[in-house]
Amino acid sequence: MTAAMSVQYDVDLDLRGLNCPLPILRTKKQLVTMGNGQVVRARATDPHSVIDFKAFCIKTGHELVEHWQHEDEFHFLVRKRGAG
């Protein structure tokens, strides 16, 4: 594993088995309910999710803290952007 395993997260979102665009849509929906600075860990099995999460964070300003692959799963730590 990576050092990312030591990063604390507030919500664990299981997106395994879902295909594009559902992992991003569900992550976006979850982030709406979270406070600024909180972190969601998203776990997905769709290989396209790597590109999707990177693009989503660039577009929205949320921080992609870390991402890694473990076996057939892709893990993403996304920090909700703060206001201004």
Protein backbone atom coordinates (compact mmCIF):
# COMPACT_ATOMS: atom_id res chain seq x y z
CA MET A 1 0.00 0.00 0.00
CA THR A 2 0.93 3.63 -0.10
CA ALA A 3 1.33 6.29 2.54
CA ALA A 4 -2.23 7.33 1.68
CA MET A 5 -3.51 4.68 4.04
CA SER A 6 -2.49 6.97 6.90
CA VAL A 7 -4.68 9.83 5.62
CA GLN A 8 -7.84 10.19 7.66
CA TYR A 9 -11.16 10.32 5.83
CA ASP A 10 -14.64 11.24 7.01
CA VAL A 11 -16.74 9.15 4.63
CA ASP A 12 -16.08 5.81 2.93
CA LEU A 13 -17.96 5.57 -0.36
CA ASP A 14 -18.26 2.11 -1.94
CA LEU A 15 -18.66 2.55 -5.70
CA ARG A 16 -17.44 -0.90 -6.71
CA GLY A 17 -19.35 -2.45 -9.59
CA LEU A 18 -20.58 0.91 -10.91
CA ASN A 19 -19.60 2.20 -14.34
CA CYS A 20 -19.08 5.72 -15.63
CA PRO A 21 -20.59 8.17 -14.85
CA LEU A 22 -22.07 6.74 -11.63
CA PRO A 23 -18.89 6.81 -9.47
CA ILE A 24 -18.44 10.54 -10.08
CA LEU A 25 -22.13 11.34 -9.76
CA ARG A 26 -22.37 9.56 -6.41
CA THR A 27 -19.17 11.19 -5.17
CA LYS A 28 -20.49 14.61 -6.20
CA LYS A 29 -23.75 13.92 -4.35
CA GLN A 30 -21.82 12.85 -1.23
CA LEU A 31 -19.59 15.94 -1.28
CA VAL A 32 -22.68 18.18 -1.20
CA THR A 33 -23.55 16.74 2.23
CA MET A 34 -20.04 17.22 3.64
CA GLY A 35 -18.35 20.18 5.27
CA ASN A 36 -15.49 22.11 3.72
CA GLY A 37 -12.17 20.34 4.25
CA GLN A 38 -13.71 16.93 4.91
CA VAL A 39 -12.35 13.96 2.97
CA VAL A 40 -14.22 11.17 1.22
CA ARG A 41 -12.55 7.90 0.29
CA ALA A 42 -14.12 6.51 -2.87
CA ARG A 43 -13.51 2.92 -3.93
CA ALA A 44 -14.30 1.99 -7.53
CA THR A 45 -13.66 -0.85 -9.96
CA ASP A 46 -14.20 1.05 -13.21
CA PRO A 47 -10.74 1.70 -14.76
CA HIS A 48 -12.07 4.92 -16.32
CA SER A 49 -12.65 6.30 -12.84
CA VAL A 50 -9.00 7.39 -12.65
CA ILE A 51 -9.45 9.82 -15.54
CA ASP A 52 -12.90 10.83 -14.29
CA PHE A 53 -11.78 11.67 -10.74
CA LYS A 54 -8.80 13.69 -11.96
CA ALA A 55 -10.97 15.71 -14.36
CA PHE A 56 -13.72 16.14 -11.76
CA CYS A 57 -11.31 17.59 -9.20
CA ILE A 58 -9.72 19.95 -11.71
CA LYS A 59 -13.13 21.16 -12.86
CA THR A 60 -14.70 21.58 -9.40
CA GLY A 61 -11.70 22.67 -7.34
CA HIS A 62 -11.96 19.76 -4.91
CA GLU A 63 -8.55 18.35 -3.98
CA LEU A 64 -7.57 14.88 -5.14
CA VAL A 65 -5.42 14.19 -2.09
CA GLU A 66 -4.27 10.78 -3.27
CA HIS A 67 -5.26 7.93 -5.52
CA TRP A 68 -3.92 4.42 -5.87
CA GLN A 69 -4.80 1.00 -7.18
CA HIS A 70 -4.95 -2.14 -5.06
CA GLU A 71 -5.62 -5.26 -7.06
CA ASP A 72 -8.76 -4.51 -9.14
CA GLU A 73 -9.88 -1.56 -7.01
CA PHE A 74 -9.14 2.11 -7.47
CA HIS A 75 -9.07 4.27 -4.35
CA PHE A 76 -9.47 8.04 -4.28
CA LEU A 77 -9.20 10.50 -1.41
CA VAL A 78 -11.04 13.72 -2.26
CA ARG A 79 -11.06 16.75 0.05
CA LYS A 80 -14.04 19.05 -0.31
CA ARG A 81 -12.87 22.49 -1.31
CA GLY A 82 -13.23 25.32 1.12
CA ALA A 83 -15.23 28.44 0.45
CA GLY A 84 -13.04 30.98 -1.35
